[in-house]
């Protein structure tokens, strides 16, 4: 009986650990990077506790493996919490790469990492050369002006992308604003502080474009 009880306890502990933290998706832009492109990775993480704010960090490149991670601090209130980590990788030489992301959580207030089990996910991509005519992957959206003082327009280059969802993220990947595009152009007055931010274009839960924009002064 003691052995059965121990096995049951281990099974429940394992089930909780599996659901403790989840890397829901990893997307990157541009979709077909060249050896002159910086690559922006956006990692969505889901947790069973709030608050779940965290920080993403870029570890570096070893051979053809790019490693990064995120540390998130859990609160004590049980509720679904979603946060995003943003990792910018500098241009890489031609070749096939794996981006590996390790998610670590700790409990507030000290947030000591490693209290909950690790979650690991990866995505493969290829960096191509710069030879040939033009870019392999063309942006589908235009931000104008960029930099700005907080007011700018987003124009989609093709009407097929109308109905997309625009999302604005802080440099740490926190979602700040969402706007649904009913046409191929929208004007925004963000009222954000001066700094650098990320904008994604999504449709049918697929990230089509990620761009960085800069606000040079507060309104």
N, C-alpha and C. Protein backbone atom coordinates (compact mmCIF):
# COMPACT_ATOMS: atom_id res chain seq x y z
N UNK A 1 0.82 -1.20 0.00
CA UNK A 1 0.00 0.00 0.00
C UNK A 1 0.86 1.27 0.00
N UNK A 2 1.97 1.20 0.79
CA UNK A 2 2.85 2.36 0.83
C UNK A 2 3.46 2.63 -0.54
N UNK A 3 3.82 1.54 -1.24
CA UNK A 3 4.42 1.70 -2.58
C UNK A 3 3.40 2.31 -3.53
N UNK A 4 2.15 1.86 -3.48
CA UNK A 4 1.11 2.41 -4.36
C UNK A 4 0.88 3.89 -4.06
N UNK A 5 0.87 4.23 -2.77
CA UNK A 5 0.67 5.63 -2.40
C UNK A 5 1.81 6.50 -2.88
N UNK A 6 3.04 5.98 -2.80
CA UNK A 6 4.20 6.72 -3.27
C UNK A 6 4.15 6.92 -4.77
N UNK A 7 3.77 5.87 -5.50
CA UNK A 7 3.66 5.99 -6.96
C UNK A 7 2.59 6.99 -7.35
N UNK A 8 1.47 6.99 -6.63
CA UNK A 8 0.41 7.95 -6.92
C UNK A 8 0.88 9.37 -6.67
N UNK A 9 1.60 9.57 -5.56
CA UNK A 9 2.12 10.90 -5.24
C UNK A 9 3.09 11.38 -6.30
N UNK A 10 3.97 10.48 -6.74
CA UNK A 10 4.93 10.84 -7.79
C UNK A 10 4.21 11.18 -9.09
N UNK A 11 3.14 10.44 -9.39
CA UNK A 11 2.38 10.70 -10.61
C UNK A 11 1.71 12.06 -10.56
N UNK A 12 1.12 12.41 -9.42
CA UNK A 12 0.48 13.71 -9.28
C UNK A 12 1.49 14.83 -9.34
N UNK A 13 2.65 14.62 -8.71
CA UNK A 13 3.71 15.63 -8.75
C UNK A 13 4.19 15.85 -10.16
N UNK A 14 4.36 14.76 -10.91
CA UNK A 14 4.81 14.86 -12.29
C UNK A 14 3.79 15.58 -13.15
N UNK A 15 2.48 15.29 -12.93
CA UNK A 15 1.43 15.96 -13.70
C UNK A 15 1.41 17.44 -13.43
N UNK A 16 1.60 17.83 -12.16
CA UNK A 16 1.64 19.26 -11.83
C UNK A 16 2.84 19.93 -12.48
N UNK A 17 4.00 19.23 -12.45
CA UNK A 17 5.21 19.80 -13.02
C UNK A 17 5.05 20.03 -14.51
N UNK A 18 4.36 19.08 -15.18
CA UNK A 18 4.17 19.21 -16.62
C UNK A 18 3.35 20.45 -16.95
N UNK A 19 2.36 20.77 -16.10
CA UNK A 19 1.49 21.90 -16.37
C UNK A 19 1.95 23.18 -15.69
N UNK A 20 3.09 23.09 -14.95
CA UNK A 20 3.52 24.24 -14.17
C UNK A 20 3.90 25.41 -15.06
N UNK A 21 4.51 25.12 -16.17
CA UNK A 21 4.92 26.18 -17.07
C UNK A 21 4.98 25.62 -18.49
N UNK A 22 4.60 26.43 -19.44
CA UNK A 22 4.51 25.96 -20.82
C UNK A 22 5.05 27.01 -21.77
N UNK A 23 5.91 26.56 -22.69
CA UNK A 23 6.30 27.41 -23.82
C UNK A 23 5.29 27.13 -24.92
N UNK A 24 4.36 28.06 -25.10
CA UNK A 24 3.24 27.83 -26.01
C UNK A 24 3.67 27.93 -27.47
N UNK A 25 4.51 28.92 -27.78
CA UNK A 25 4.92 29.10 -29.18
C UNK A 25 6.23 29.88 -29.25
N UNK A 26 6.99 29.62 -30.32
CA UNK A 26 8.19 30.39 -30.64
C UNK A 26 8.06 30.84 -32.09
N UNK A 27 8.05 32.14 -32.32
CA UNK A 27 8.00 32.67 -33.68
C UNK A 27 9.21 33.57 -33.89
N UNK A 28 9.58 33.76 -35.14
CA UNK A 28 10.74 34.61 -35.42
C UNK A 28 10.52 35.38 -36.71
N UNK A 29 11.26 36.48 -36.82
CA UNK A 29 11.17 37.34 -37.98
C UNK A 29 12.54 37.97 -38.24
N UNK A 30 12.93 38.11 -39.54
CA UNK A 30 12.19 37.70 -40.74
C UNK A 30 12.13 36.18 -40.87
N UNK A 31 11.15 35.70 -41.63
CA UNK A 31 10.95 34.27 -41.75
C UNK A 31 12.08 33.59 -42.52
N UNK A 32 12.73 34.32 -43.42
CA UNK A 32 13.86 33.79 -44.18
C UNK A 32 15.04 34.74 -44.02
N UNK A 33 15.71 34.69 -42.88
CA UNK A 33 16.78 35.67 -42.61
C UNK A 33 17.99 35.46 -43.50
N UNK A 34 18.63 36.56 -43.85
CA UNK A 34 19.92 36.51 -44.55
C UNK A 34 21.03 36.73 -43.55
N UNK A 35 22.26 36.65 -44.00
CA UNK A 35 23.41 36.79 -43.11
C UNK A 35 23.62 38.24 -42.67
N UNK A 36 22.79 39.16 -43.14
CA UNK A 36 22.87 40.56 -42.69
C UNK A 36 21.71 40.95 -41.77
N UNK A 37 20.81 40.01 -41.50
CA UNK A 37 19.61 40.31 -40.70
C UNK A 37 19.81 39.95 -39.23
N UNK A 38 19.40 40.85 -38.34
CA UNK A 38 19.17 40.45 -36.96
C UNK A 38 17.85 39.68 -36.92
N UNK A 39 17.77 38.70 -36.04
CA UNK A 39 16.59 37.82 -35.98
C UNK A 39 15.91 38.03 -34.64
N UNK A 40 14.62 38.35 -34.68
CA UNK A 40 13.84 38.59 -33.47
C UNK A 40 12.97 37.38 -33.17
N UNK A 41 13.15 36.81 -31.99
CA UNK A 41 12.34 35.67 -31.55
C UNK A 41 11.34 36.15 -30.50
N UNK A 42 10.09 35.71 -30.65
CA UNK A 42 9.03 36.04 -29.70
C UNK A 42 8.52 34.73 -29.11
N UNK A 43 8.69 34.58 -27.80
CA UNK A 43 8.33 33.33 -27.13
C UNK A 43 7.15 33.58 -26.21
N UNK A 44 6.05 32.86 -26.44
CA UNK A 44 4.88 32.97 -25.57
C UNK A 44 4.96 31.89 -24.50
N UNK A 45 4.80 32.30 -23.24
CA UNK A 45 4.87 31.39 -22.10
C UNK A 45 3.59 31.50 -21.29
N UNK A 46 3.03 30.35 -20.91
CA UNK A 46 1.81 30.32 -20.10
C UNK A 46 2.11 29.68 -18.75
N UNK A 47 1.49 30.21 -17.70
CA UNK A 47 1.74 29.76 -16.34
C UNK A 47 0.42 29.61 -15.59
N UNK A 48 0.40 28.78 -14.53
CA UNK A 48 -0.84 28.60 -13.75
C UNK A 48 -0.98 29.58 -12.59
N UNK A 49 -0.01 30.52 -12.43
CA UNK A 49 -0.07 31.47 -11.32
C UNK A 49 0.25 32.88 -11.81
N UNK A 50 -0.34 33.87 -11.15
CA UNK A 50 0.02 35.26 -11.38
C UNK A 50 0.78 35.76 -10.16
N UNK A 51 1.60 36.81 -10.29
CA UNK A 51 1.97 37.41 -11.56
C UNK A 51 3.10 36.59 -12.17
N UNK A 52 3.25 36.69 -13.50
CA UNK A 52 4.24 35.83 -14.15
C UNK A 52 5.24 36.63 -14.98
N UNK A 53 5.42 37.90 -14.65
CA UNK A 53 6.35 38.73 -15.41
C UNK A 53 7.76 38.15 -15.33
N UNK A 54 8.50 38.31 -16.42
CA UNK A 54 9.84 37.76 -16.44
C UNK A 54 10.76 38.51 -17.38
N UNK A 55 11.97 38.00 -17.51
CA UNK A 55 12.99 38.61 -18.35
C UNK A 55 13.61 37.55 -19.24
N UNK A 56 13.68 37.84 -20.54
CA UNK A 56 14.37 36.95 -21.46
C UNK A 56 15.83 37.34 -21.59
N UNK A 57 16.69 36.37 -21.82
CA UNK A 57 18.12 36.65 -21.95
C UNK A 57 18.72 35.79 -23.06
N UNK A 58 19.66 36.39 -23.77
CA UNK A 58 20.34 35.75 -24.89
C UNK A 58 21.69 35.23 -24.40
N UNK A 59 21.92 33.92 -24.52
CA UNK A 59 23.16 33.33 -24.02
C UNK A 59 24.29 33.36 -25.04
N UNK A 60 23.94 33.16 -26.33
CA UNK A 60 24.97 33.17 -27.35
C UNK A 60 24.84 32.01 -28.32
N UNK A 61 25.87 31.83 -29.15
CA UNK A 61 25.87 30.82 -30.19
C UNK A 61 27.03 29.86 -29.97
N UNK A 62 26.75 28.58 -30.03
CA UNK A 62 27.78 27.54 -29.96
C UNK A 62 27.61 26.65 -31.17
N UNK A 63 28.50 26.79 -32.15
CA UNK A 63 28.32 26.07 -33.40
C UNK A 63 27.09 26.57 -34.11
N UNK A 64 26.13 25.68 -34.33
CA UNK A 64 24.88 26.06 -34.98
C UNK A 64 23.70 26.06 -34.01
N UNK A 65 23.99 26.13 -32.72
CA UNK A 65 22.96 26.20 -31.70
C UNK A 65 22.96 27.57 -31.04
N UNK A 66 21.80 28.22 -31.07
CA UNK A 66 21.62 29.51 -30.42
C UNK A 66 20.82 29.27 -29.15
N UNK A 67 21.36 29.67 -28.01
CA UNK A 67 20.68 29.39 -26.75
C UNK A 67 20.22 30.69 -26.10
N UNK A 68 19.04 30.61 -25.50
CA UNK A 68 18.45 31.74 -24.78
C UNK A 68 17.55 31.17 -23.70
N UNK A 69 17.06 32.06 -22.84
CA UNK A 69 16.20 31.59 -21.77
C UNK A 69 15.37 32.71 -21.19
N UNK A 70 14.53 32.37 -20.26
CA UNK A 70 13.70 33.34 -19.58
C UNK A 70 13.48 32.94 -18.14
N UNK A 71 13.51 33.91 -17.23
CA UNK A 71 13.24 33.69 -15.82
C UNK A 71 11.97 34.43 -15.45
N UNK A 72 11.00 33.70 -14.92
CA UNK A 72 9.71 34.28 -14.54
C UNK A 72 9.43 34.00 -13.07
N UNK A 73 8.86 34.99 -12.39
CA UNK A 73 8.60 34.91 -10.95
C UNK A 73 7.11 34.67 -10.71
N UNK A 74 6.78 33.57 -10.06
CA UNK A 74 5.39 33.21 -9.83
C UNK A 74 4.86 33.83 -8.54
N UNK A 75 3.61 34.28 -8.60
CA UNK A 75 2.91 34.70 -7.39
C UNK A 75 2.19 33.51 -6.78
N UNK A 76 1.32 33.75 -5.82
CA UNK A 76 0.63 32.67 -5.12
C UNK A 76 -0.82 32.50 -5.56
N UNK A 77 -1.32 33.42 -6.41
CA UNK A 77 -2.72 33.36 -6.84
C UNK A 77 -2.85 32.47 -8.06
N UNK A 78 -3.64 31.41 -7.96
CA UNK A 78 -3.80 30.46 -9.06
C UNK A 78 -4.73 31.02 -10.13
N UNK A 79 -4.16 31.33 -11.29
CA UNK A 79 -4.92 31.83 -12.44
C UNK A 79 -4.02 31.78 -13.66
N UNK A 80 -4.61 31.57 -14.82
CA UNK A 80 -3.81 31.50 -16.04
C UNK A 80 -3.13 32.84 -16.30
N UNK A 81 -1.83 32.80 -16.55
CA UNK A 81 -1.05 34.02 -16.80
C UNK A 81 -0.18 33.80 -18.03
N UNK A 82 -0.21 34.77 -18.94
CA UNK A 82 0.58 34.67 -20.18
C UNK A 82 1.56 35.83 -20.24
N UNK A 83 2.80 35.52 -20.61
CA UNK A 83 3.80 36.56 -20.79
C UNK A 83 4.63 36.21 -22.03
N UNK A 84 5.34 37.19 -22.56
CA UNK A 84 6.14 36.99 -23.77
C UNK A 84 7.58 37.42 -23.50
N UNK A 85 8.49 36.60 -23.97
CA UNK A 85 9.91 36.95 -23.93
C UNK A 85 10.36 37.27 -25.35
N UNK A 86 11.15 38.33 -25.48
CA UNK A 86 11.67 38.75 -26.78
C UNK A 86 13.19 38.63 -26.77
N UNK A 87 13.72 37.92 -27.74
CA UNK A 87 15.16 37.72 -27.87
C UNK A 87 15.59 38.20 -29.24
N UNK A 88 16.58 39.08 -29.28
CA UNK A 88 17.11 39.56 -30.56
C UNK A 88 18.51 38.97 -30.75
N UNK A 89 18.68 38.22 -31.83
CA UNK A 89 19.94 37.55 -32.14
C UNK A 89 20.64 38.32 -33.26
N UNK A 90 21.89 38.67 -33.11
CA UNK A 90 22.61 39.40 -34.16
C UNK A 90 22.76 38.56 -35.42
N UNK A 91 23.09 39.18 -36.55
CA UNK A 91 23.25 38.44 -37.81
C UNK A 91 24.22 37.27 -37.67
N UNK A 92 23.87 36.17 -38.34
CA UNK A 92 24.67 34.95 -38.29
C UNK A 92 25.12 34.54 -39.69
N UNK A 93 26.24 33.81 -39.80
CA UNK A 93 26.69 33.33 -41.11
C UNK A 93 25.70 32.34 -41.72
N UNK A 94 25.85 32.08 -43.01
CA UNK A 94 24.98 31.12 -43.70
C UNK A 94 25.00 29.77 -42.97
N UNK A 95 23.85 29.10 -42.97
CA UNK A 95 23.80 27.78 -42.38
C UNK A 95 22.46 27.46 -41.76
N UNK A 96 22.32 26.23 -41.26
CA UNK A 96 21.11 25.78 -40.57
C UNK A 96 21.33 25.89 -39.07
N UNK A 97 20.35 26.44 -38.37
CA UNK A 97 20.49 26.72 -36.95
C UNK A 97 19.31 26.16 -36.16
N UNK A 98 19.57 25.95 -34.87
CA UNK A 98 18.52 25.62 -33.90
C UNK A 98 18.53 26.70 -32.83
N UNK A 99 17.36 27.27 -32.57
CA UNK A 99 17.19 28.22 -31.47
C UNK A 99 16.56 27.46 -30.32
N UNK A 100 17.27 27.39 -29.18
CA UNK A 100 16.82 26.62 -28.02
C UNK A 100 16.51 27.59 -26.88
N UNK A 101 15.29 27.48 -26.34
CA UNK A 101 14.85 28.38 -25.27
C UNK A 101 14.55 27.56 -24.02
N UNK A 102 15.16 27.96 -22.90
CA UNK A 102 14.97 27.29 -21.61
C UNK A 102 14.20 28.22 -20.68
N UNK A 103 13.07 27.74 -20.20
CA UNK A 103 12.21 28.54 -19.33
C UNK A 103 12.41 28.10 -17.88
N UNK A 104 12.69 29.06 -17.02
CA UNK A 104 12.93 28.80 -15.59
C UNK A 104 11.97 29.66 -14.78
N UNK A 105 11.41 29.09 -13.71
CA UNK A 105 10.53 29.86 -12.84
C UNK A 105 11.00 29.76 -11.40
N UNK A 106 10.62 30.77 -10.64
CA UNK A 106 10.87 30.79 -9.21
C UNK A 106 9.67 31.39 -8.50
N UNK A 107 9.64 31.26 -7.20
CA UNK A 107 8.51 31.75 -6.43
C UNK A 107 8.83 33.10 -5.81
N UNK A 108 7.89 34.04 -5.90
CA UNK A 108 8.07 35.34 -5.26
C UNK A 108 8.04 35.16 -3.73
N UNK A 109 8.71 36.03 -2.93
CA UNK A 109 9.36 37.27 -3.36
C UNK A 109 10.82 37.11 -3.79
N UNK A 110 11.47 36.02 -3.42
CA UNK A 110 12.89 35.88 -3.75
C UNK A 110 13.12 35.42 -5.18
N UNK A 111 12.18 34.67 -5.72
CA UNK A 111 12.24 34.20 -7.11
C UNK A 111 13.54 33.44 -7.38
N UNK A 112 13.83 32.47 -6.53
CA UNK A 112 15.01 31.64 -6.73
C UNK A 112 14.75 30.68 -7.87
N UNK A 113 15.56 30.72 -8.94
CA UNK A 113 15.29 29.85 -10.09
C UNK A 113 15.45 28.38 -9.74
N UNK A 114 14.71 27.56 -10.46
CA UNK A 114 14.84 26.12 -10.30
C UNK A 114 13.87 25.51 -9.34
N UNK A 115 12.97 26.31 -8.73
CA UNK A 115 11.99 25.74 -7.81
C UNK A 115 11.01 24.85 -8.56
N UNK A 116 10.61 25.26 -9.73
CA UNK A 116 9.76 24.45 -10.58
C UNK A 116 10.61 23.86 -11.70
N UNK A 117 10.21 22.72 -12.26
CA UNK A 117 11.00 22.08 -13.31
C UNK A 117 11.16 22.97 -14.53
N UNK A 118 12.17 22.69 -15.33
CA UNK A 118 12.44 23.46 -16.53
C UNK A 118 11.49 23.07 -17.66
N UNK A 119 11.22 24.03 -18.53
CA UNK A 119 10.53 23.76 -19.80
C UNK A 119 11.48 24.18 -20.92
N UNK A 120 11.63 23.35 -21.92
CA UNK A 120 12.57 23.61 -23.01
C UNK A 120 11.85 23.40 -24.34
N UNK A 121 12.08 24.33 -25.27
CA UNK A 121 11.53 24.17 -26.61
C UNK A 121 12.53 24.75 -27.61
N UNK A 122 12.37 24.41 -28.87
CA UNK A 122 13.32 24.87 -29.88
C UNK A 122 12.63 25.04 -31.22
N UNK A 123 13.30 25.75 -32.11
CA UNK A 123 12.81 25.93 -33.47
C UNK A 123 14.03 25.95 -34.40
N UNK A 124 13.88 25.36 -35.57
CA UNK A 124 14.97 25.31 -36.54
C UNK A 124 14.73 26.32 -37.66
N UNK A 125 15.79 26.91 -38.17
CA UNK A 125 15.67 27.87 -39.26
C UNK A 125 16.99 27.89 -40.03
N UNK A 126 16.95 28.54 -41.19
CA UNK A 126 18.12 28.60 -42.05
C UNK A 126 18.46 30.04 -42.37
N UNK A 127 19.74 30.36 -42.29
CA UNK A 127 20.24 31.67 -42.69
C UNK A 127 20.87 31.54 -44.07
N UNK A 128 20.43 32.37 -45.00
CA UNK A 128 20.94 32.31 -46.36
C UNK A 128 21.90 33.46 -46.63
N UNK A 129 22.59 33.37 -47.74
CA UNK A 129 23.53 34.41 -48.13
C UNK A 129 22.83 35.65 -48.63
N UNK A 130 23.60 36.68 -48.90
CA UNK A 130 23.04 37.95 -49.38
C UNK A 130 23.11 38.07 -50.89
N UNK A 131 23.62 37.04 -51.55
CA UNK A 131 23.71 37.10 -53.00
C UNK A 131 22.33 36.99 -53.63
N UNK A 132 22.19 37.48 -54.83
CA UNK A 132 20.89 37.46 -55.48
C UNK A 132 20.28 38.84 -55.50
N UNK A 133 19.07 38.93 -56.00
CA UNK A 133 18.42 40.23 -56.14
C UNK A 133 17.46 40.44 -54.99
N UNK A 134 17.75 41.46 -54.19
CA UNK A 134 16.81 41.86 -53.14
C UNK A 134 16.77 40.89 -51.98
N UNK A 135 15.88 41.18 -51.05
CA UNK A 135 15.67 40.37 -49.87
C UNK A 135 14.85 39.14 -50.19
N UNK A 136 15.14 38.07 -49.47
CA UNK A 136 14.35 36.85 -49.64
C UNK A 136 12.97 37.03 -49.02
N UNK A 137 12.93 37.65 -47.82
CA UNK A 137 11.67 37.85 -47.12
C UNK A 137 11.37 39.34 -47.04
N UNK A 138 10.30 39.76 -47.67
CA UNK A 138 9.94 41.18 -47.66
C UNK A 138 8.94 41.45 -46.55
N UNK A 139 9.12 42.56 -45.87
CA UNK A 139 8.18 42.95 -44.83
C UNK A 139 6.78 43.12 -45.42
N UNK A 140 5.77 42.71 -44.64
CA UNK A 140 4.40 42.89 -45.12
C UNK A 140 3.78 44.15 -44.56
N UNK A 141 4.49 44.82 -43.63
CA UNK A 141 3.93 46.03 -43.03
C UNK A 141 4.96 47.15 -43.03
N UNK A 142 4.45 48.38 -43.02
CA UNK A 142 5.30 49.57 -43.00
C UNK A 142 4.88 50.44 -41.84
N UNK A 143 5.85 50.85 -41.00
CA UNK A 143 5.61 51.77 -39.90
C UNK A 143 6.13 53.14 -40.31
N UNK A 144 5.27 54.16 -40.26
CA UNK A 144 5.69 55.49 -40.70
C UNK A 144 5.03 56.57 -39.83
N UNK A 145 5.81 57.52 -39.31
CA UNK A 145 7.28 57.55 -39.34
C UNK A 145 7.86 56.63 -38.29
N UNK A 146 9.10 56.27 -38.43
CA UNK A 146 9.82 55.45 -37.47
C UNK A 146 11.30 55.82 -37.51
N UNK A 147 11.79 56.53 -36.48
CA UNK A 147 11.21 56.84 -35.17
C UNK A 147 10.07 57.86 -35.26
N UNK A 148 9.28 57.92 -34.15
CA UNK A 148 8.19 58.88 -34.07
C UNK A 148 8.11 59.43 -32.65
N UNK A 149 7.15 60.32 -32.44
CA UNK A 149 6.89 60.85 -31.11
C UNK A 149 5.71 60.14 -30.45
N UNK A 150 5.35 58.97 -30.97
CA UNK A 150 4.28 58.18 -30.38
C UNK A 150 3.08 58.02 -31.29
N UNK A 151 2.95 58.88 -32.31
CA UNK A 151 1.86 58.77 -33.29
C UNK A 151 2.44 58.33 -34.62
N UNK A 152 1.91 57.23 -35.17
CA UNK A 152 2.41 56.73 -36.44
C UNK A 152 1.34 55.87 -37.09
N UNK A 153 1.58 55.48 -38.32
CA UNK A 153 0.62 54.64 -39.05
C UNK A 153 1.26 53.29 -39.37
N UNK A 154 0.40 52.28 -39.45
CA UNK A 154 0.80 50.94 -39.88
C UNK A 154 0.06 50.65 -41.18
N UNK A 155 0.81 50.38 -42.23
CA UNK A 155 0.21 50.06 -43.53
C UNK A 155 0.61 48.65 -43.94
N UNK A 156 -0.39 47.84 -44.27
CA UNK A 156 -0.14 46.50 -44.78
C UNK A 156 0.00 46.56 -46.29
N UNK A 157 1.00 45.88 -46.83
CA UNK A 157 1.31 46.00 -48.24
C UNK A 157 0.32 45.27 -49.14
N UNK A 158 -0.50 44.41 -48.58
CA UNK A 158 -1.45 43.66 -49.40
C UNK A 158 -2.77 43.57 -48.65
N UNK A 159 -3.90 43.76 -49.36
CA UNK A 159 -5.22 43.73 -48.72
C UNK A 159 -5.56 42.35 -48.16
N UNK A 160 -4.85 41.31 -48.58
CA UNK A 160 -5.13 39.97 -48.06
C UNK A 160 -4.81 39.87 -46.57
N UNK A 161 -4.01 40.83 -46.06
CA UNK A 161 -3.66 40.82 -44.65
C UNK A 161 -4.61 41.65 -43.80
N UNK A 162 -5.63 42.26 -44.43
CA UNK A 162 -6.64 43.00 -43.67
C UNK A 162 -7.33 42.05 -42.70
N UNK A 163 -7.68 42.57 -41.53
CA UNK A 163 -8.24 41.71 -40.50
C UNK A 163 -7.18 41.16 -39.56
N UNK A 164 -5.94 41.59 -39.79
CA UNK A 164 -4.85 41.15 -38.91
C UNK A 164 -4.95 41.83 -37.55
N UNK A 165 -4.28 41.25 -36.58
CA UNK A 165 -4.23 41.80 -35.24
C UNK A 165 -2.83 42.35 -34.99
N UNK A 166 -2.77 43.64 -34.64
CA UNK A 166 -1.50 44.26 -34.29
C UNK A 166 -1.30 44.16 -32.79
N UNK A 167 -0.08 43.80 -32.38
CA UNK A 167 0.26 43.75 -30.96
C UNK A 167 1.55 44.51 -30.71
N UNK A 168 1.56 45.34 -29.67
CA UNK A 168 2.75 46.10 -29.31
C UNK A 168 3.30 45.54 -28.01
N UNK A 169 4.61 45.26 -28.01
CA UNK A 169 5.27 44.67 -26.86
C UNK A 169 6.39 45.58 -26.36
N UNK A 170 6.63 45.52 -25.06
CA UNK A 170 7.78 46.22 -24.47
C UNK A 170 9.06 45.48 -24.85
N UNK A 171 10.24 46.06 -24.59
CA UNK A 171 11.49 45.36 -24.89
C UNK A 171 11.63 44.03 -24.15
N UNK A 172 10.92 43.86 -23.02
CA UNK A 172 10.96 42.62 -22.26
C UNK A 172 9.88 41.64 -22.69
N UNK A 173 9.07 42.02 -23.70
CA UNK A 173 8.06 41.10 -24.21
C UNK A 173 6.70 41.21 -23.57
N UNK A 174 6.47 42.24 -22.76
CA UNK A 174 5.15 42.43 -22.15
C UNK A 174 4.19 43.04 -23.16
N UNK A 175 3.01 42.44 -23.30
CA UNK A 175 2.01 42.95 -24.23
C UNK A 175 1.44 44.25 -23.69
N UNK A 176 1.53 45.32 -24.50
CA UNK A 176 1.08 46.64 -24.09
C UNK A 176 -0.22 47.07 -24.75
N UNK A 177 -0.45 46.63 -25.98
CA UNK A 177 -1.61 47.11 -26.72
C UNK A 177 -1.94 46.15 -27.86
N UNK A 178 -3.22 45.95 -28.13
CA UNK A 178 -3.68 45.14 -29.26
C UNK A 178 -4.67 45.95 -30.08
N UNK A 179 -4.54 45.91 -31.39
CA UNK A 179 -5.43 46.66 -32.29
C UNK A 179 -5.79 45.76 -33.46
N UNK A 180 -7.09 45.61 -33.72
CA UNK A 180 -7.53 44.84 -34.87
C UNK A 180 -7.62 45.75 -36.09
N UNK A 181 -7.06 45.30 -37.21
CA UNK A 181 -7.06 46.10 -38.44
C UNK A 181 -8.22 45.67 -39.32
N UNK A 182 -9.16 46.58 -39.53
CA UNK A 182 -10.30 46.30 -40.41
C UNK A 182 -10.01 46.68 -41.85
N UNK A 183 -8.88 47.35 -42.07
CA UNK A 183 -8.43 47.69 -43.43
C UNK A 183 -6.93 47.47 -43.47
N UNK A 184 -6.30 47.92 -44.54
CA UNK A 184 -4.86 47.70 -44.64
C UNK A 184 -4.05 48.88 -44.06
N UNK A 185 -4.73 49.80 -43.34
CA UNK A 185 -4.01 50.92 -42.75
C UNK A 185 -4.70 51.35 -41.47
N UNK A 186 -3.90 51.67 -40.44
CA UNK A 186 -4.44 52.16 -39.19
C UNK A 186 -3.48 53.20 -38.62
N UNK A 187 -4.05 54.25 -38.01
CA UNK A 187 -3.25 55.28 -37.34
C UNK A 187 -3.29 55.04 -35.84
N UNK A 188 -2.12 55.10 -35.21
CA UNK A 188 -2.03 54.83 -33.77
C UNK A 188 -1.45 56.03 -33.04
N UNK A 189 -2.00 56.29 -31.88
CA UNK A 189 -1.43 57.24 -30.92
C UNK A 189 -1.16 56.44 -29.66
N UNK A 190 0.06 55.97 -29.49
CA UNK A 190 0.36 54.98 -28.47
C UNK A 190 0.42 55.53 -27.05
N UNK A 191 0.80 56.81 -26.89
CA UNK A 191 0.98 57.42 -25.58
C UNK A 191 1.99 56.64 -24.75
N UNK A 192 2.99 56.06 -25.40
CA UNK A 192 4.04 55.32 -24.71
C UNK A 192 5.22 56.22 -24.40
N UNK A 193 5.99 55.85 -23.40
CA UNK A 193 7.19 56.60 -23.07
C UNK A 193 8.26 56.40 -24.14
N UNK A 194 9.23 57.30 -24.18
CA UNK A 194 10.31 57.18 -25.14
C UNK A 194 11.05 55.86 -24.93
N UNK A 195 11.40 55.22 -26.03
CA UNK A 195 12.10 53.94 -25.95
C UNK A 195 11.88 53.11 -27.19
N UNK A 196 12.34 51.86 -27.13
CA UNK A 196 12.25 50.93 -28.24
C UNK A 196 11.20 49.86 -27.93
N UNK A 197 10.37 49.52 -28.93
CA UNK A 197 9.28 48.58 -28.75
C UNK A 197 9.22 47.62 -29.95
N UNK A 198 8.40 46.56 -29.81
CA UNK A 198 8.20 45.61 -30.90
C UNK A 198 6.74 45.60 -31.31
N UNK A 199 6.50 45.46 -32.61
CA UNK A 199 5.15 45.36 -33.15
C UNK A 199 5.05 44.07 -33.95
N UNK A 200 4.01 43.28 -33.68
CA UNK A 200 3.77 42.06 -34.45
C UNK A 200 2.48 42.20 -35.24
N UNK A 201 2.43 41.53 -36.39
CA UNK A 201 1.22 41.43 -37.20
C UNK A 201 0.81 39.96 -37.19
N UNK A 202 -0.39 39.68 -36.69
CA UNK A 202 -0.85 38.30 -36.58
C UNK A 202 -2.17 38.12 -37.31
N UNK A 203 -2.34 36.93 -37.88
CA UNK A 203 -3.63 36.59 -38.49
C UNK A 203 -3.84 35.09 -38.33
N UNK A 204 -5.03 34.73 -37.84
CA UNK A 204 -5.36 33.33 -37.59
C UNK A 204 -4.32 32.67 -36.68
N UNK A 205 -3.90 33.45 -35.66
CA UNK A 205 -2.95 32.98 -34.65
C UNK A 205 -1.56 32.67 -35.21
N UNK A 206 -1.24 33.23 -36.37
CA UNK A 206 0.08 33.07 -36.98
C UNK A 206 0.75 34.44 -37.05
N UNK A 207 1.99 34.54 -36.54
CA UNK A 207 2.73 35.80 -36.60
C UNK A 207 3.33 35.95 -38.00
N UNK A 208 2.89 36.99 -38.71
CA UNK A 208 3.34 37.23 -40.08
C UNK A 208 4.53 38.17 -40.16
N UNK A 209 4.67 39.04 -39.17
CA UNK A 209 5.73 40.04 -39.23
C UNK A 209 6.04 40.53 -37.82
N UNK A 210 7.31 40.82 -37.56
CA UNK A 210 7.75 41.44 -36.31
C UNK A 210 8.68 42.58 -36.66
N UNK A 211 8.39 43.76 -36.13
CA UNK A 211 9.25 44.91 -36.38
C UNK A 211 9.52 45.66 -35.09
N UNK A 212 10.69 46.30 -35.07
CA UNK A 212 11.03 47.16 -33.94
C UNK A 212 10.72 48.63 -34.33
N UNK A 213 10.13 49.37 -33.40
CA UNK A 213 9.92 50.80 -33.65
C UNK A 213 10.39 51.59 -32.44
N UNK A 214 10.68 52.86 -32.68
CA UNK A 214 11.30 53.71 -31.66
C UNK A 214 10.45 54.95 -31.44
N UNK A 215 10.22 55.29 -30.18
CA UNK A 215 9.58 56.55 -29.80
C UNK A 215 10.67 57.44 -29.21
N UNK A 216 10.83 58.61 -29.78
CA UNK A 216 11.98 59.44 -29.44
C UNK A 216 11.69 60.46 -28.36
N UNK A 217 10.41 60.72 -28.05
CA UNK A 217 10.11 61.65 -26.98
C UNK A 217 8.69 61.38 -26.47
N UNK A 218 8.45 61.70 -25.20
CA UNK A 218 7.13 61.51 -24.61
C UNK A 218 6.16 62.56 -25.12
N UNK A 219 4.89 62.17 -25.20
CA UNK A 219 3.85 63.12 -25.57
C UNK A 219 3.59 64.10 -24.43
